[in-house]
């Protein structure tokens, strides 16, 4: 029987929600006390363009650029669903702007 997607699955059974690239020259790309749980799945943050609504811990530099170096939001396995929900929000905004 084919397994169907269930967002209620325990995080340890959701292998698609976690990926680590330990041989990457930047691993981990953010300071963390727990590199063993650092999630590289969203290497380039898909939430960056949400600005202040991204949900992460960021600051703005003097030149106006967003600095996410202190943010681990998309790099935690348990945040997978929240990141995916933001994609849904972005998709809905796109539909409304047609």
C-alpha atoms as a PDB file:
ATOM      1  CA  UNK A   1       0.000   0.000   0.000  1.00  0.00           C
ATOM      2  CA  UNK A   2       1.331   3.435  -0.915  1.00  0.00           C
ATOM      3  CA  UNK A   3       1.980   5.788   1.982  1.00  0.00           C
ATOM      4  CA  UNK A   4       0.146   9.100   1.791  1.00  0.00           C
ATOM      5  CA  UNK A   5       1.338  12.442   3.108  1.00  0.00           C
ATOM      6  CA  UNK A   6       0.208  13.227   6.614  1.00  0.00           C
ATOM      7  CA  UNK A   7       1.358  16.411   8.345  1.00  0.00           C
ATOM      8  CA  UNK A   8       0.484  14.703  11.630  1.00  0.00           C
ATOM      9  CA  UNK A   9       3.371  12.230  11.300  1.00  0.00           C
ATOM     10  CA  UNK A  10       5.934  12.490  14.103  1.00  0.00           C
ATOM     11  CA  UNK A  11       8.930  14.647  13.047  1.00  0.00           C
ATOM     12  CA  UNK A  12      11.362  11.716  13.336  1.00  0.00           C
ATOM     13  CA  UNK A  13       9.365   9.850  10.649  1.00  0.00           C
ATOM     14  CA  UNK A  14       9.368  12.777   8.227  1.00  0.00           C
ATOM     15  CA  UNK A  15      12.736  12.314   6.541  1.00  0.00           C
ATOM     16  CA  UNK A  16      11.724  14.677   3.728  1.00  0.00           C
ATOM     17  CA  UNK A  17      11.686  17.525   6.275  1.00  0.00           C
ATOM     18  CA  UNK A  18      15.380  17.262   7.146  1.00  0.00           C
ATOM     19  CA  UNK A  19      18.614  17.277   5.162  1.00  0.00           C
ATOM     20  CA  UNK A  20      22.181  17.901   6.234  1.00  0.00           C
ATOM     21  CA  UNK A  21      25.128  18.629   3.973  1.00  0.00           C
ATOM     22  CA  UNK A  22      28.022  18.264   6.416  1.00  0.00           C
ATOM     23  CA  UNK A  23      30.633  18.320   3.660  1.00  0.00           C
ATOM     24  CA  UNK A  24      29.510  21.816   2.583  1.00  0.00           C
ATOM     25  CA  UNK A  25      32.280  24.338   3.129  1.00  0.00           C
ATOM     26  CA  UNK A  26      29.776  26.612   4.895  1.00  0.00           C
ATOM     27  CA  UNK A  27      28.249  24.009   7.231  1.00  0.00           C
ATOM     28  CA  UNK A  28      26.710  25.182   9.430  1.00  0.00           C
ATOM     29  CA  UNK A  29      26.108  28.533   7.774  1.00  0.00           C
ATOM     30  CA  UNK A  30      24.702  30.046  10.989  1.00  0.00           C
ATOM     31  CA  UNK A  31      26.154  29.893  14.473  1.00  0.00           C
ATOM     32  CA  UNK A  32      24.479  27.113  16.426  1.00  0.00           C
ATOM     33  CA  UNK A  33      25.120  25.176  19.585  1.00  0.00           C
ATOM     34  CA  UNK A  34      23.551  22.110  17.968  1.00  0.00           C
ATOM     35  CA  UNK A  35      25.082  21.463  14.527  1.00  0.00           C
ATOM     36  CA  UNK A  36      23.817  17.870  14.673  1.00  0.00           C
ATOM     37  CA  UNK A  37      20.248  19.147  14.290  1.00  0.00           C
ATOM     38  CA  UNK A  38      21.007  21.909  11.757  1.00  0.00           C
ATOM     39  CA  UNK A  39      18.679  21.532   8.755  1.00  0.00           C
ATOM     40  CA  UNK A  40      20.136  22.459   5.357  1.00  0.00           C
ATOM     41  CA  UNK A  41      16.902  21.729   3.465  1.00  0.00           C
ATOM     42  CA  UNK A  42      16.176  25.418   2.953  1.00  0.00           C
ATOM     43  CA  UNK A  43      19.778  26.411   2.259  1.00  0.00           C
ATOM     44  CA  UNK A  44      18.734  29.725   0.753  1.00  0.00           C
ATOM     45  CA  UNK A  45      15.890  30.963   2.886  1.00  0.00           C
ATOM     46  CA  UNK A  46      12.611  30.970   0.972  1.00  0.00           C
ATOM     47  CA  UNK A  47      11.201  33.386   3.559  1.00  0.00           C
ATOM     48  CA  UNK A  48      13.666  36.203   2.861  1.00  0.00           C
ATOM     49  CA  UNK A  49      11.314  38.026   0.523  1.00  0.00           C
ATOM     50  CA  UNK A  50       8.580  38.131   3.172  1.00  0.00           C
ATOM     51  CA  UNK A  51      10.515  40.924   4.865  1.00  0.00           C
ATOM     52  CA  UNK A  52       9.258  41.576   8.385  1.00  0.00           C
ATOM     53  CA  UNK A  53       6.606  38.858   8.032  1.00  0.00           C
ATOM     54  CA  UNK A  54       9.120  36.025   7.559  1.00  0.00           C
ATOM     55  CA  UNK A  55       8.829  34.832  11.154  1.00  0.00           C
ATOM     56  CA  UNK A  56      12.575  34.676  11.730  1.00  0.00           C
ATOM     57  CA  UNK A  57      15.078  36.496  13.898  1.00  0.00           C
ATOM     58  CA  UNK A  58      16.667  39.120  11.648  1.00  0.00           C
ATOM     59  CA  UNK A  59      17.866  42.697  11.660  1.00  0.00           C
ATOM     60  CA  UNK A  60      18.308  45.354   9.011  1.00  0.00           C
ATOM     61  CA  UNK A  61      21.762  46.696   8.249  1.00  0.00           C
ATOM     62  CA  UNK A  62      22.409  50.437   7.913  1.00  0.00           C
ATOM     63  CA  UNK A  63      22.252  50.077   4.131  1.00  0.00           C
ATOM     64  CA  UNK A  64      18.741  48.564   4.390  1.00  0.00           C
ATOM     65  CA  UNK A  65      19.744  44.983   3.601  1.00  0.00           C
ATOM     66  CA  UNK A  66      18.139  42.245   5.652  1.00  0.00           C
ATOM     67  CA  UNK A  67      20.658  40.406   7.866  1.00  0.00           C
ATOM     68  CA  UNK A  68      19.543  36.871   8.684  1.00  0.00           C
ATOM     69  CA  UNK A  69      22.827  35.667  10.161  1.00  0.00           C
ATOM     70  CA  UNK A  70      21.232  35.316  13.604  1.00  0.00           C
ATOM     71  CA  UNK A  71      18.225  33.364  12.345  1.00  0.00           C
ATOM     72  CA  UNK A  72      17.780  29.614  12.602  1.00  0.00           C
ATOM     73  CA  UNK A  73      14.043  29.555  11.780  1.00  0.00           C
ATOM     74  CA  UNK A  74      14.225  27.597   8.485  1.00  0.00           C
ATOM     75  CA  UNK A  75      17.113  25.468   9.779  1.00  0.00           C
ATOM     76  CA  UNK A  76      15.090  23.628  12.406  1.00  0.00           C
ATOM     77  CA  UNK A  77      13.316  20.436  11.352  1.00  0.00           C
ATOM     78  CA  UNK A  78      10.235  21.241  13.416  1.00  0.00           C
ATOM     79  CA  UNK A  79       9.728  24.486  11.407  1.00  0.00           C
ATOM     80  CA  UNK A  80       9.210  22.651   8.105  1.00  0.00           C
ATOM     81  CA  UNK A  81       5.408  23.015   8.145  1.00  0.00           C
ATOM     82  CA  UNK A  82       5.613  26.729   8.954  1.00  0.00           C
ATOM     83  CA  UNK A  83       7.965  27.319   6.014  1.00  0.00           C
ATOM     84  CA  UNK A  84       5.656  25.366   3.690  1.00  0.00           C
ATOM     85  CA  UNK A  85       2.663  27.352   4.982  1.00  0.00           C
ATOM     86  CA  UNK A  86       4.459  30.551   3.934  1.00  0.00           C
ATOM     87  CA  UNK A  87       4.709  29.133   0.386  1.00  0.00           C
ATOM     88  CA  UNK A  88       0.950  28.626   0.457  1.00  0.00           C
ATOM     89  CA  UNK A  89       0.488  32.215   1.632  1.00  0.00           C
ATOM     90  CA  UNK A  90       2.722  33.469  -1.175  1.00  0.00           C
ATOM     91  CA  UNK A  91       0.795  31.379  -3.712  1.00  0.00           C
ATOM     92  CA  UNK A  92      -2.500  32.836  -2.502  1.00  0.00           C
ATOM     93  CA  UNK A  93      -1.134  36.376  -2.800  1.00  0.00           C
ATOM     94  CA  UNK A  94      -0.114  35.592  -6.354  1.00  0.00           C
ATOM     95  CA  UNK A  95      -3.619  34.431  -7.208  1.00  0.00           C
ATOM     96  CA  UNK A  96      -5.141  37.598  -5.764  1.00  0.00           C
ATOM     97  CA  UNK A  97      -2.775  39.779  -7.811  1.00  0.00           C
ATOM     98  CA  UNK A  98      -3.760  38.292 -11.182  1.00  0.00           C
END
